[in-house]
C-alpha atoms as a PDB file:
ATOM      1  CA  MET A   1      54.484  52.687 -75.084  1.00  0.00           C
ATOM      2  CA  THR A   2      51.787  50.674 -76.844  1.00  0.00           C
ATOM      3  CA  LYS A   3      49.839  51.042 -80.045  1.00  0.00           C
ATOM      4  CA  ARG A   4      47.170  53.194 -78.388  1.00  0.00           C
ATOM      5  CA  TRP A   5      48.571  54.901 -75.289  1.00  0.00           C
ATOM      6  CA  VAL A   6      51.758  56.386 -73.902  1.00  0.00           C
ATOM      7  CA  THR A   7      50.566  56.940 -70.332  1.00  0.00           C
ATOM      8  CA  ARG A   8      47.950  54.981 -68.477  1.00  0.00           C
ATOM      9  CA  PRO A   9      45.722  56.169 -65.614  1.00  0.00           C
ATOM     10  CA  GLU A  10      47.322  55.970 -62.189  1.00  0.00           C
ATOM     11  CA  GLY A  11      46.396  52.714 -60.497  1.00  0.00           C
ATOM     12  CA  SER A  12      45.008  51.175 -63.677  1.00  0.00           C
ATOM     13  CA  ASN A  13      45.860  47.766 -65.090  1.00  0.00           C
ATOM     14  CA  TRP A  14      46.004  48.800 -68.742  1.00  0.00           C
ATOM     15  CA  GLY A  15      48.385  46.503 -70.548  1.00  0.00           C
ATOM     16  CA  ASP A  16      48.809  44.057 -67.653  1.00  0.00           C
ATOM     17  CA  TRP A  17      47.287  41.287 -69.800  1.00  0.00           C
ATOM     18  CA  GLY A  18      48.679  42.522 -73.077  1.00  0.00           C
ATOM     19  CA  GLU A  19      48.287  45.691 -75.060  1.00  0.00           C
ATOM     20  CA  ASP A  20      45.238  44.341 -76.915  1.00  0.00           C
ATOM     21  CA  ASP A  21      43.439  42.987 -73.847  1.00  0.00           C
ATOM     22  CA  GLN A  22      39.638  43.368 -73.833  1.00  0.00           C
ATOM     23  CA  ARG A  23      38.741  41.142 -70.867  1.00  0.00           C
ATOM     24  CA  GLY A  24      40.210  43.103 -67.960  1.00  0.00           C
ATOM     25  CA  ARG A  25      40.060  41.392 -64.609  1.00  0.00           C
ATOM     26  CA  MET A  26      38.148  38.430 -66.013  1.00  0.00           C
ATOM     27  CA  ASN A  27      41.664  37.258 -66.854  1.00  0.00           C
ATOM     28  CA  LEU A  28      41.941  36.469 -63.119  1.00  0.00           C
ATOM     29  CA  VAL A  29      39.159  33.869 -63.292  1.00  0.00           C
ATOM     30  CA  THR A  30      41.273  30.824 -64.026  1.00  0.00           C
ATOM     31  CA  PRO A  31      40.062  27.212 -64.320  1.00  0.00           C
ATOM     32  CA  GLU A  32      41.410  26.665 -60.808  1.00  0.00           C
ATOM     33  CA  ARG A  33      39.274  29.512 -59.451  1.00  0.00           C
ATOM     34  CA  ARG A  34      36.195  28.121 -61.193  1.00  0.00           C
ATOM     35  CA  LEU A  35      36.825  24.737 -59.596  1.00  0.00           C
ATOM     36  CA  ARG A  36      36.973  26.463 -56.205  1.00  0.00           C
ATOM     37  CA  ALA A  37      33.668  28.154 -57.001  1.00  0.00           C
ATOM     38  CA  ILE A  38      32.085  24.781 -57.775  1.00  0.00           C
ATOM     39  CA  GLU A  39      33.051  23.625 -54.277  1.00  0.00           C
ATOM     40  CA  HIS A  40      30.359  25.974 -52.930  1.00  0.00           C
ATOM     41  CA  VAL A  41      27.636  23.924 -54.640  1.00  0.00           C
ATOM     42  CA  LYS A  42      26.319  21.786 -51.786  1.00  0.00           C
ATOM     43  CA  GLU A  43      22.646  21.182 -52.598  1.00  0.00           C
ATOM     44  CA  GLY A  44      22.322  21.748 -56.338  1.00  0.00           C
ATOM     45  CA  LEU A  45      19.753  24.500 -55.803  1.00  0.00           C
ATOM     46  CA  CYS A  46      19.538  27.122 -58.569  1.00  0.00           C
ATOM     47  CA  PHE A  47      18.259  30.692 -58.402  1.00  0.00           C
ATOM     48  CA  CYS A  48      17.330  32.874 -61.354  1.00  0.00           C
ATOM     49  CA  LEU A  49      18.930  36.282 -60.776  1.00  0.00           C
ATOM     50  CA  SER A  50      17.124  38.094 -63.585  1.00  0.00           C
ATOM     51  CA  MET A  51      14.204  40.448 -63.148  1.00  0.00           C
ATOM     52  CA  PRO A  52      11.404  40.099 -65.714  1.00  0.00           C
ATOM     53  CA  LEU A  53      12.935  42.086 -68.566  1.00  0.00           C
ATOM     54  CA  GLU A  54       9.818  44.247 -68.951  1.00  0.00           C
ATOM     55  CA  LEU A  55      10.521  45.755 -65.510  1.00  0.00           C
ATOM     56  CA  PRO A  56      10.908  48.374 -64.040  1.00  0.00           C
ATOM     57  CA  GLY A  57       8.201  49.425 -66.542  1.00  0.00           C
ATOM     58  CA  GLY A  58       7.862  52.596 -68.612  1.00  0.00           C
ATOM     59  CA  ASN A  59      10.762  55.024 -68.737  1.00  0.00           C
ATOM     60  CA  ALA A  60      10.331  56.987 -65.507  1.00  0.00           C
ATOM     61  CA  VAL A  61      13.328  55.316 -63.834  1.00  0.00           C
ATOM     62  CA  ASN A  62      15.613  56.066 -66.782  1.00  0.00           C
ATOM     63  CA  PRO A  63      14.109  58.352 -69.467  1.00  0.00           C
ATOM     64  CA  LYS A  64      16.567  57.045 -72.104  1.00  0.00           C
ATOM     65  CA  ARG A  65      15.445  53.421 -71.924  1.00  0.00           C
ATOM     66  CA  PHE A  66      12.161  51.681 -72.658  1.00  0.00           C
ATOM     67  CA  PRO A  67      10.755  48.187 -72.047  1.00  0.00           C
ATOM     68  CA  PRO A  68      10.883  45.477 -74.718  1.00  0.00           C
ATOM     69  CA  LYS A  69       8.428  45.815 -77.582  1.00  0.00           C
ATOM     70  CA  PHE A  70       7.147  42.837 -79.534  1.00  0.00           C
ATOM     71  CA  GLY A  71       6.476  43.091 -83.238  1.00  0.00           C
ATOM     72  CA  PRO A  72       5.510  40.983 -86.239  1.00  0.00           C
ATOM     73  CA  VAL A  73       7.732  38.943 -88.505  1.00  0.00           C
ATOM     74  CA  PHE A  74       6.916  39.244 -92.195  1.00  0.00           C
ATOM     75  CA  HIS A  75       7.583  36.274 -94.440  1.00  0.00           C
ATOM     76  CA  PRO A  76       8.910  36.704 -97.970  1.00  0.00           C
ATOM     77  CA  PRO A  77       6.640  37.186-100.994  1.00  0.00           C
ATOM     78  CA  GLY A  78       4.819  34.016-101.918  1.00  0.00           C
ATOM     79  CA  SER A  79       4.309  32.876 -98.331  1.00  0.00           C
ATOM     80  CA  LYS A  80       1.480  33.856 -96.055  1.00  0.00           C
ATOM     81  CA  THR A  81       2.100  36.990 -93.973  1.00  0.00           C
ATOM     82  CA  PHE A  82       2.531  35.922 -90.394  1.00  0.00           C
ATOM     83  CA  TYR A  83       2.193  38.057 -87.274  1.00  0.00           C
ATOM     84  CA  TYR A  84       3.312  37.571 -83.697  1.00  0.00           C
ATOM     85  CA  ASN A  85       0.854  35.414 -81.758  1.00  0.00           C
ATOM     86  CA  HIS A  86      -1.061  34.437 -84.918  1.00  0.00           C
ATOM     87  CA  ILE A  87      -0.985  31.155 -86.813  1.00  0.00           C
ATOM     88  CA  TRP A  88      -1.461  30.023 -90.345  1.00  0.00           C
ATOM     89  CA  ASP A  89      -3.213  26.712 -90.797  1.00  0.00           C
ATOM     90  CA  LYS A  90      -2.694  25.647 -94.414  1.00  0.00           C
ATOM     91  CA  VAL A  91       0.647  26.534 -95.896  1.00  0.00           C
ATOM     92  CA  GLU A  92       0.390  23.331 -97.933  1.00  0.00           C
ATOM     93  CA  PRO A  93      -2.695  21.153 -98.386  1.00  0.00           C
ATOM     94  CA  GLY A  94      -3.068  18.859 -95.400  1.00  0.00           C
ATOM     95  CA  CYS A  95      -0.326  20.549 -93.362  1.00  0.00           C
ATOM     96  CA  MET A  96      -1.141  20.472 -89.638  1.00  0.00           C
ATOM     97  CA  ASP A  97       1.767  22.588 -88.358  1.00  0.00           C
ATOM     98  CA  VAL A  98       1.158  25.528 -86.029  1.00  0.00           C
ATOM     99  CA  SER A  99       3.915  27.995 -85.142  1.00  0.00           C
ATOM    100  CA  SER A 100       4.567  31.477 -83.793  1.00  0.00           C
ATOM    101  CA  ASP A 101       7.297  33.997 -84.489  1.00  0.00           C
ATOM    102  CA  GLU A 102       8.201  37.517 -83.401  1.00  0.00           C
ATOM    103  CA  CYS A 103      10.753  40.293 -83.432  1.00  0.00           C
ATOM    104  CA  VAL A 104      11.704  42.230 -80.298  1.00  0.00           C
ATOM    105  CA  THR A 105      12.978  45.770 -79.904  1.00  0.00           C
ATOM    106  CA  LEU A 106      15.157  45.530 -76.823  1.00  0.00           C
ATOM    107  CA  TYR A 107      17.061  48.227 -74.956  1.00  0.00           C
ATOM    108  CA  SER A 108      20.129  46.309 -73.878  1.00  0.00           C
ATOM    109  CA  GLN A 109      20.421  48.016 -70.471  1.00  0.00           C
ATOM    110  CA  TYR A 110      16.790  48.479 -69.514  1.00  0.00           C
ATOM    111  CA  SER A 111      16.458  45.717 -66.921  1.00  0.00           C
ATOM    112  CA  THR A 112      18.860  43.037 -65.624  1.00  0.00           C
ATOM    113  CA  GLN A 113      22.062  43.860 -67.448  1.00  0.00           C
ATOM    114  CA  TRP A 114      25.814  43.822 -67.841  1.00  0.00           C
ATOM    115  CA  ASP A 115      27.958  46.851 -68.658  1.00  0.00           C
ATOM    116  CA  SER A 116      30.839  46.228 -71.049  1.00  0.00           C
ATOM    117  CA  PHE A 117      34.000  48.348 -70.985  1.00  0.00           C
ATOM    118  CA  ALA A 118      32.701  50.206 -74.035  1.00  0.00           C
ATOM    119  CA  HIS A 119      29.866  51.626 -71.915  1.00  0.00           C
ATOM    120  CA  VAL A 120      31.871  54.281 -70.020  1.00  0.00           C
ATOM    121  CA  GLY A 121      35.193  55.955 -70.780  1.00  0.00           C
ATOM    122  CA  SER A 122      36.815  59.161 -69.630  1.00  0.00           C
ATOM    123  CA  LEU A 123      38.764  62.195 -70.730  1.00  0.00           C
ATOM    124  CA  PHE A 124      42.404  61.305 -70.163  1.00  0.00           C
ATOM    125  CA  ASP A 125      45.791  62.268 -71.610  1.00  0.00           C
ATOM    126  CA  ALA A 126      46.653  58.822 -72.934  1.00  0.00           C
ATOM    127  CA  ASP A 127      48.926  60.293 -75.627  1.00  0.00           C
ATOM    128  CA  GLY A 128      51.123  62.079 -73.075  1.00  0.00           C
ATOM    129  CA  ASP A 129      50.933  65.353 -75.000  1.00  0.00           C
ATOM    130  CA  GLY A 130      49.234  67.410 -72.293  1.00  0.00           C
ATOM    131  CA  THR A 131      45.774  67.251 -73.875  1.00  0.00           C
ATOM    132  CA  ARG A 132      43.003  65.044 -72.542  1.00  0.00           C
ATOM    133  CA  GLU A 133      41.039  63.094 -75.117  1.00  0.00           C
ATOM    134  CA  PRO A 134      38.110  60.643 -74.882  1.00  0.00           C
ATOM    135  CA  VAL A 135      39.385  57.124 -74.267  1.00  0.00           C
ATOM    136  CA  TYR A 136      38.117  53.780 -73.008  1.00  0.00           C
ATOM    137  CA  TYR A 137      39.695  50.864 -71.122  1.00  0.00           C
ATOM    138  CA  ASN A 138      43.194  49.941 -72.298  1.00  0.00           C
ATOM    139  CA  GLY A 139      43.359  52.994 -74.553  1.00  0.00           C
ATOM    140  CA  TYR A 140      40.655  52.094 -77.043  1.00  0.00           C
ATOM    141  CA  ARG A 141      39.180  55.153 -78.763  1.00  0.00           C
ATOM    142  CA  PRO A 142      35.767  56.449 -79.774  1.00  0.00           C
ATOM    143  CA  ASP A 143      35.207  56.835 -83.534  1.00  0.00           C
ATOM    144  CA  VAL A 144      38.021  54.319 -84.120  1.00  0.00           C
ATOM    145  CA  ASP A 145      37.130  51.378 -81.869  1.00  0.00           C
ATOM    146  CA  ILE A 146      33.705  52.381 -80.531  1.00  0.00           C
ATOM    147  CA  ARG A 147      31.711  53.868 -83.394  1.00  0.00           C
ATOM    148  CA  GLY A 148      28.708  56.193 -83.174  1.00  0.00           C
ATOM    149  CA  PRO A 149      25.488  56.190 -85.219  1.00  0.00           C
ATOM    150  CA  ASP A 150      26.884  58.531 -87.895  1.00  0.00           C
ATOM    151  CA  ASP A 151      29.913  56.379 -88.666  1.00  0.00           C
ATOM    152  CA  PRO A 152      29.905  55.208 -92.325  1.00  0.00           C
ATOM    153  CA  ALA A 153      30.931  51.747 -91.143  1.00  0.00           C
ATOM    154  CA  GLY A 154      27.919  51.582 -88.834  1.00  0.00           C
ATOM    155  CA  MET A 155      27.651  52.012 -85.092  1.00  0.00           C
ATOM    156  CA  GLY A 156      28.964  49.516 -82.571  1.00  0.00           C
ATOM    157  CA  ALA A 157      31.837  48.579 -80.328  1.00  0.00           C
ATOM    158  CA  GLY A 158      34.502  47.176 -82.629  1.00  0.00           C
ATOM    159  CA  LYS A 159      36.502  46.621 -79.449  1.00  0.00           C
ATOM    160  CA  LEU A 160      35.441  46.030 -75.826  1.00  0.00           C
ATOM    161  CA  GLY A 161      31.938  44.819 -76.797  1.00  0.00           C
ATOM    162  CA  VAL A 162      29.932  42.343 -74.736  1.00  0.00           C
ATOM    163  CA  GLU A 163      30.981  39.465 -76.975  1.00  0.00           C
ATOM    164  CA  ASN A 164      34.253  39.460 -75.033  1.00  0.00           C
ATOM    165  CA  MET A 165      32.260  38.882 -71.864  1.00  0.00           C
ATOM    166  CA  ALA A 166      30.299  36.081 -73.516  1.00  0.00           C
ATOM    167  CA  LEU A 167      33.525  34.384 -74.586  1.00  0.00           C
ATOM    168  CA  SER A 168      34.901  34.622 -71.053  1.00  0.00           C
ATOM    169  CA  CYS A 169      31.604  32.993 -69.892  1.00  0.00           C
ATOM    170  CA  MET A 170      31.287  35.221 -66.779  1.00  0.00           C
ATOM    171  CA  GLN A 171      31.349  32.271 -64.432  1.00  0.00           C
ATOM    172  CA  GLY A 172      33.052  32.049 -61.051  1.00  0.00           C
ATOM    173  CA  ARG A 173      32.604  32.512 -57.329  1.00  0.00           C
ATOM    174  CA  GLY A 174      29.988  34.997 -56.171  1.00  0.00           C
ATOM    175  CA  VAL A 175      30.133  36.659 -52.742  1.00  0.00           C
ATOM    176  CA  LEU A 176      26.844  38.142 -51.557  1.00  0.00           C
ATOM    177  CA  VAL A 177      26.557  41.007 -49.060  1.00  0.00           C
ATOM    178  CA  ASP A 178      23.021  41.790 -47.869  1.00  0.00           C
ATOM    179  CA  PHE A 179      22.882  45.552 -47.361  1.00  0.00           C
ATOM    180  CA  HIS A 180      19.091  45.359 -47.029  1.00  0.00           C
ATOM    181  CA  ARG A 181      19.407  43.246 -43.882  1.00  0.00           C
ATOM    182  CA  HIS A 182      21.471  46.045 -42.320  1.00  0.00           C
ATOM    183  CA  PHE A 183      19.792  49.194 -43.680  1.00  0.00           C
ATOM    184  CA  GLY A 184      16.324  48.179 -44.821  1.00  0.00           C
ATOM    185  CA  ASP A 185      14.863  50.544 -47.431  1.00  0.00           C
ATOM    186  CA  GLU A 186      16.837  53.548 -46.145  1.00  0.00           C
ATOM    187  CA  ARG A 187      18.949  55.388 -48.724  1.00  0.00           C
ATOM    188  CA  VAL A 188      22.495  54.909 -47.432  1.00  0.00           C
ATOM    189  CA  ALA A 189      25.719  55.713 -49.236  1.00  0.00           C
ATOM    190  CA  VAL A 190      27.919  52.830 -48.097  1.00  0.00           C
ATOM    191  CA  ASN A 191      31.428  54.156 -47.568  1.00  0.00           C
ATOM    192  CA  TYR A 192      34.533  52.152 -46.744  1.00  0.00           C
ATOM    193  CA  ASP A 193      33.979  52.169 -42.970  1.00  0.00           C
ATOM    194  CA  LEU A 194      30.392  50.939 -43.308  1.00  0.00           C
ATOM    195  CA  LEU A 195      31.462  48.248 -45.764  1.00  0.00           C
ATOM    196  CA  MET A 196      34.218  46.953 -43.492  1.00  0.00           C
ATOM    197  CA  ASP A 197      31.824  46.985 -40.533  1.00  0.00           C
ATOM    198  CA  ILE A 198      29.374  44.788 -42.469  1.00  0.00           C
ATOM    199  CA  PHE A 199      32.178  42.466 -43.518  1.00  0.00           C
ATOM    200  CA  ALA A 200      33.169  42.039 -39.871  1.00  0.00           C
ATOM    201  CA  LYS A 201      29.588  41.511 -38.616  1.00  0.00           C
ATOM    202  CA  ASP A 202      28.702  39.017 -41.353  1.00  0.00           C
ATOM    203  CA  ASP A 203      32.093  37.282 -41.522  1.00  0.00           C
ATOM    204  CA  ILE A 204      32.492  38.045 -45.225  1.00  0.00           C
ATOM    205  CA  ARG A 205      35.717  37.269 -47.049  1.00  0.00           C
ATOM    206  CA  VAL A 206      36.348  38.606 -50.533  1.00  0.00           C
ATOM    207  CA  GLU A 207      39.206  37.229 -52.611  1.00  0.00           C
ATOM    208  CA  GLU A 208      40.856  38.026 -55.914  1.00  0.00           C
ATOM    209  CA  GLY A 209      38.749  36.744 -58.796  1.00  0.00           C
ATOM    210  CA  ASP A 210      35.413  36.986 -56.927  1.00  0.00           C
ATOM    211  CA  PHE A 211      32.178  38.486 -58.248  1.00  0.00           C
ATOM    212  CA  PHE A 212      31.090  40.988 -55.560  1.00  0.00           C
ATOM    213  CA  VAL A 213      27.286  40.970 -55.286  1.00  0.00           C
ATOM    214  CA  PHE A 214      25.218  43.156 -52.968  1.00  0.00           C
ATOM    215  CA  HIS A 215      21.498  43.056 -52.285  1.00  0.00           C
ATOM    216  CA  THR A 216      19.752  46.340 -51.410  1.00  0.00           C
ATOM    217  CA  GLY A 217      16.021  45.600 -51.665  1.00  0.00           C
ATOM    218  CA  TRP A 218      15.499  47.527 -54.914  1.00  0.00           C
ATOM    219  CA  ASP A 219      14.465  44.293 -56.633  1.00  0.00           C
ATOM    220  CA  ASP A 220      11.494  43.612 -54.353  1.00  0.00           C
ATOM    221  CA  MET A 221      10.532  47.293 -54.452  1.00  0.00           C
ATOM    222  CA  ILE A 222      10.405  47.225 -58.272  1.00  0.00           C
ATOM    223  CA  LEU A 223       8.392  43.995 -58.292  1.00  0.00           C
ATOM    224  CA  ALA A 224       5.906  45.453 -55.799  1.00  0.00           C
ATOM    225  CA  MET A 225       5.309  48.432 -58.115  1.00  0.00           C
ATOM    226  CA  GLY A 226       3.954  46.085 -60.790  1.00  0.00           C
ATOM    227  CA  GLY A 227       5.367  47.846 -63.846  1.00  0.00           C
ATOM    228  CA  GLU A 228       4.352  51.330 -62.720  1.00  0.00           C
ATOM    229  CA  PRO A 229       7.489  52.483 -60.915  1.00  0.00           C
ATOM    230  CA  ASP A 230       7.630  55.423 -58.559  1.00  0.00           C
ATOM    231  CA  ALA A 231      10.937  56.810 -59.786  1.00  0.00           C
ATOM    232  CA  GLU A 232      11.248  59.373 -57.010  1.00  0.00           C
ATOM    233  CA  LYS A 233      10.819  56.713 -54.350  1.00  0.00           C
ATOM    234  CA  LEU A 234      13.224  54.317 -56.043  1.00  0.00           C
ATOM    235  CA  HIS A 235      15.943  56.936 -56.444  1.00  0.00           C
ATOM    236  CA  SER A 236      15.685  57.832 -52.765  1.00  0.00           C
ATOM    237  CA  SER A 237      15.556  54.277 -51.398  1.00  0.00           C
ATOM    238  CA  CYS A 238      17.974  51.483 -50.525  1.00  0.00           C
ATOM    239  CA  ALA A 239      21.747  51.390 -50.259  1.00  0.00           C
ATOM    240  CA  VAL A 240      24.291  52.380 -52.883  1.00  0.00           C
ATOM    241  CA  LEU A 241      28.068  52.291 -52.826  1.00  0.00           C
ATOM    242  CA  ASP A 242      29.668  55.666 -52.104  1.00  0.00           C
ATOM    243  CA  GLY A 243      31.768  56.320 -55.176  1.00  0.00           C
ATOM    244  CA  PHE A 244      32.950  59.642 -53.767  1.00  0.00           C
ATOM    245  CA  ASP A 245      34.801  57.859 -50.959  1.00  0.00           C
ATOM    246  CA  ASP A 246      38.287  57.318 -52.388  1.00  0.00           C
ATOM    247  CA  ARG A 247      38.774  54.435 -49.935  1.00  0.00           C
ATOM    248  CA  ILE A 248      35.925  52.550 -51.617  1.00  0.00           C
ATOM    249  CA  LEU A 249      37.654  53.018 -54.961  1.00  0.00           C
ATOM    250  CA  GLN A 250      40.920  51.839 -53.439  1.00  0.00           C
ATOM    251  CA  TRP A 251      39.192  48.794 -51.941  1.00  0.00           C
ATOM    252  CA  ILE A 252      37.877  47.864 -55.390  1.00  0.00           C
ATOM    253  CA  SER A 253      41.444  48.151 -56.694  1.00  0.00           C
ATOM    254  CA  ASP A 254      42.994  46.144 -53.852  1.00  0.00           C
ATOM    255  CA  SER A 255      40.326  43.437 -53.575  1.00  0.00           C
ATOM    256  CA  GLY A 256      40.851  41.939 -57.030  1.00  0.00           C
ATOM    257  CA  VAL A 257      37.093  41.537 -57.626  1.00  0.00           C
ATOM    258  CA  VAL A 258      36.192  41.019 -61.283  1.00  0.00           C
ATOM    259  CA  ALA A 259      32.691  42.532 -61.165  1.00  0.00           C
ATOM    260  CA  LEU A 260      30.402  44.616 -58.964  1.00  0.00           C
ATOM    261  CA  ILE A 261      26.769  43.494 -59.126  1.00  0.00           C
ATOM    262  CA  SER A 262      23.641  44.885 -57.484  1.00  0.00           C
ATOM    263  CA  ASP A 263      19.865  44.860 -57.676  1.00  0.00           C
ATOM    264  CA  ASN A 264      19.828  48.662 -57.920  1.00  0.00           C
ATOM    265  CA  MET A 265      20.086  50.855 -60.984  1.00  0.00           C
ATOM    266  CA  ALA A 266      23.742  51.791 -61.082  1.00  0.00           C
ATOM    267  CA  VAL A 267      25.648  50.185 -58.168  1.00  0.00           C
ATOM    268  CA  GLU A 268      26.282  53.785 -57.052  1.00  0.00           C
ATOM    269  CA  ASP A 269      24.024  56.844 -56.848  1.00  0.00           C
ATOM    270  CA  PRO A 270      23.494  58.179 -60.406  1.00  0.00           C
ATOM    271  CA  LYS A 271      22.270  61.587 -59.243  1.00  0.00           C
ATOM    272  CA  GLY A 272      24.697  64.499 -58.964  1.00  0.00           C
ATOM    273  CA  TYR A 273      28.331  65.277 -59.752  1.00  0.00           C
ATOM    274  CA  GLY A 274      31.406  65.626 -57.582  1.00  0.00           C
ATOM    275  CA  GLU A 275      35.172  65.666 -57.427  1.00  0.00           C
ATOM    276  CA  THR A 276      36.783  62.292 -57.016  1.00  0.00           C
ATOM    277  CA  GLU A 277      39.867  60.362 -58.047  1.00  0.00           C
ATOM    278  CA  GLY A 278      40.523  61.328 -61.669  1.00  0.00           C
ATOM    279  CA  GLY A 279      38.511  64.558 -61.586  1.00  0.00           C
ATOM    280  CA  CYS A 280      34.838  65.485 -61.706  1.00  0.00           C
ATOM    281  CA  SER A 281      32.423  62.647 -62.356  1.00  0.00           C
ATOM    282  CA  ARG A 282      28.764  61.723 -62.110  1.00  0.00           C
ATOM    283  CA  LEU A 283      29.555  57.996 -61.853  1.00  0.00           C
ATOM    284  CA  PRO A 284      32.986  57.598 -60.253  1.00  0.00           C
ATOM    285  CA  ILE A 285      32.626  53.846 -59.672  1.00  0.00           C
ATOM    286  CA  HIS A 286      31.689  53.355 -63.309  1.00  0.00           C
ATOM    287  CA  ARG A 287      34.756  55.295 -64.383  1.00  0.00           C
ATOM    288  CA  HIS A 288      37.009  53.519 -61.891  1.00  0.00           C
ATOM    289  CA  CYS A 289      35.784  50.041 -62.814  1.00  0.00           C
ATOM    290  CA  LEU A 290      34.999  50.145 -66.525  1.00  0.00           C
ATOM    291  CA  PHE A 291      37.650  52.655 -67.619  1.00  0.00           C
ATOM    292  CA  ARG A 292      40.542  52.183 -65.218  1.00  0.00           C
ATOM    293  CA  LEU A 293      40.416  48.615 -63.869  1.00  0.00           C
ATOM    294  CA  GLY A 294      38.530  46.465 -66.373  1.00  0.00           C
ATOM    295  CA  VAL A 295      35.902  45.467 -63.785  1.00  0.00           C
ATOM    296  CA  HIS A 296      32.407  44.805 -65.138  1.00  0.00           C
ATOM    297  CA  LEU A 297      29.202  46.134 -63.554  1.00  0.00           C
ATOM    298  CA  GLY A 298      25.911  44.271 -63.257  1.00  0.00           C
ATOM    299  CA  GLU A 299      22.727  46.197 -62.468  1.00  0.00           C
ATOM    300  CA  ILE A 300      19.051  45.589 -61.631  1.00  0.00           C
ATOM    301  CA  TRP A 301      19.582  41.917 -60.813  1.00  0.00           C
ATOM    302  CA  TYR A 302      17.046  39.910 -58.813  1.00  0.00           C
ATOM    303  CA  LEU A 303      18.849  38.934 -55.613  1.00  0.00           C
ATOM    304  CA  SER A 304      16.269  38.683 -52.815  1.00  0.00           C
ATOM    305  CA  GLU A 305      15.594  34.922 -53.039  1.00  0.00           C
ATOM    306  CA  LEU A 306      19.288  34.099 -53.178  1.00  0.00           C
ATOM    307  CA  ALA A 307      20.025  36.457 -50.276  1.00  0.00           C
ATOM    308  CA  GLU A 308      17.372  34.787 -48.140  1.00  0.00           C
ATOM    309  CA  ALA A 309      18.550  31.275 -49.006  1.00  0.00           C
ATOM    310  CA  LEU A 310      22.159  32.093 -48.153  1.00  0.00           C
ATOM    311  CA  TYR A 311      21.141  33.803 -44.903  1.00  0.00           C
ATOM    312  CA  LYS A 312      19.155  30.761 -43.741  1.00  0.00           C
ATOM    313  CA  ARG A 313      22.199  28.580 -44.379  1.00  0.00           C
ATOM    314  CA  ASP A 314      24.695  31.043 -42.888  1.00  0.00           C
ATOM    315  CA  ARG A 315      26.544  31.111 -46.194  1.00  0.00           C
ATOM    316  CA  ARG A 316      28.029  33.897 -48.296  1.00  0.00           C
ATOM    317  CA  HIS A 317      29.458  32.225 -51.407  1.00  0.00           C
ATOM    318  CA  PHE A 318      27.933  30.547 -54.445  1.00  0.00           C
ATOM    319  CA  LEU A 319      28.651  29.537 -58.028  1.00  0.00           C
ATOM    320  CA  LEU A 320      27.636  32.294 -60.429  1.00  0.00           C
ATOM    321  CA  THR A 321      27.015  31.689 -64.139  1.00  0.00           C
ATOM    322  CA  ALA A 322      26.080  34.912 -65.932  1.00  0.00           C
ATOM    323  CA  PRO A 323      27.056  35.251 -69.597  1.00  0.00           C
ATOM    324  CA  PRO A 324      25.566  38.124 -71.594  1.00  0.00           C
ATOM    325  CA  LEU A 325      24.163  37.766 -75.091  1.00  0.00           C
ATOM    326  CA  ARG A 326      26.927  37.083 -77.594  1.00  0.00           C
ATOM    327  CA  LEU A 327      25.929  40.198 -79.481  1.00  0.00           C
ATOM    328  CA  THR A 328      28.942  41.484 -81.374  1.00  0.00           C
ATOM    329  CA  GLY A 329      29.500  45.205 -80.951  1.00  0.00           C
ATOM    330  CA  ALA A 330      27.026  45.823 -78.118  1.00  0.00           C
ATOM    331  CA  VAL A 331      28.085  48.018 -75.208  1.00  0.00           C
ATOM    332  CA  GLY A 332      25.646  46.359 -72.799  1.00  0.00           C
ATOM    333  CA  SER A 333      23.494  43.273 -72.640  1.00  0.00           C
ATOM    334  CA  PRO A 334      20.550  41.722 -70.845  1.00  0.00           C
ATOM    335  CA  ALA A 335      21.489  38.726 -68.748  1.00  0.00           C
ATOM    336  CA  THR A 336      19.739  35.773 -67.143  1.00  0.00           C
ATOM    337  CA  PRO A 337      22.242  34.954 -64.400  1.00  0.00           C
ATOM    338  CA  VAL A 338      22.024  31.741 -62.393  1.00  0.00           C
ATOM    339  CA  ALA A 339      23.311  31.184 -58.860  1.00  0.00           C
ATOM    340  CA  THR A 340      23.879  27.614 -57.709  1.00  0.00           C
ATOM    341  CA  ILE A 341      24.352  26.649 -54.055  1.00  0.00           C
END
């Protein structure tokens, strides 16, 4: 028994790193594992793995989220009012300074992003009293630990927020699998058998503590649409992991990976519901990773240049550095990840 839960989900790692743990499997990324990741840096070449944060564009891909919006910054009374992309030329007589300032309204999970453990929970009988209640990773609770907009104390993740990811630095060994090279733009739900077949063909080895990264071609498709996305085409194109294959979920458990990262919208297919391990779900991989295992998810990353560079060199591994914003209480965050080979 702990402070927050009596029973934990079957196959979960709740409490394995202490009853107050908020880092999940990032606890597996030790200094020794980071040193091993650095061994994969052979040429010192860096790749930006972020999409332009104004893409996909509009809100057709996800109606809940909108692109960044720039706005003015107003200076206090007594100073000259100053707007984004404007200048003032004489704050004091003879002053030659020129500057710009802005504010940005930013949806934290619009473009290249990380999901924290406060992003997705589940209904689960953590109290052992026969009644399922909403709960997040390691037994943290909504309204107590993750507060909504009507909370008198203000909304935000008091626990499990992205600041925990920032403090863990999100750096280690990345392993890239190029689904696009195998399936092209075809919409394929990659089940366990397909995944193992690709591993065998491409000689891919995944170890405990790795960041599992897969390229599908969504990134180039979004870029080609130039900020006017065809949502129907995107949602019917390129590979996704099959979260309704229990063997995929078991592989995630057994592999010891600390994150699943893709260039697509959700790692898995976000359309439709089904029965899976733990009951009905729309996003079974999200539930399995964020709620049960403490495995982070990265979405809408830009991976095509890195995938091509690794393919030309017959390599699979790289050093990944991908901290989120250290934004206390956020449930997700934009990221500007860097791969070094």
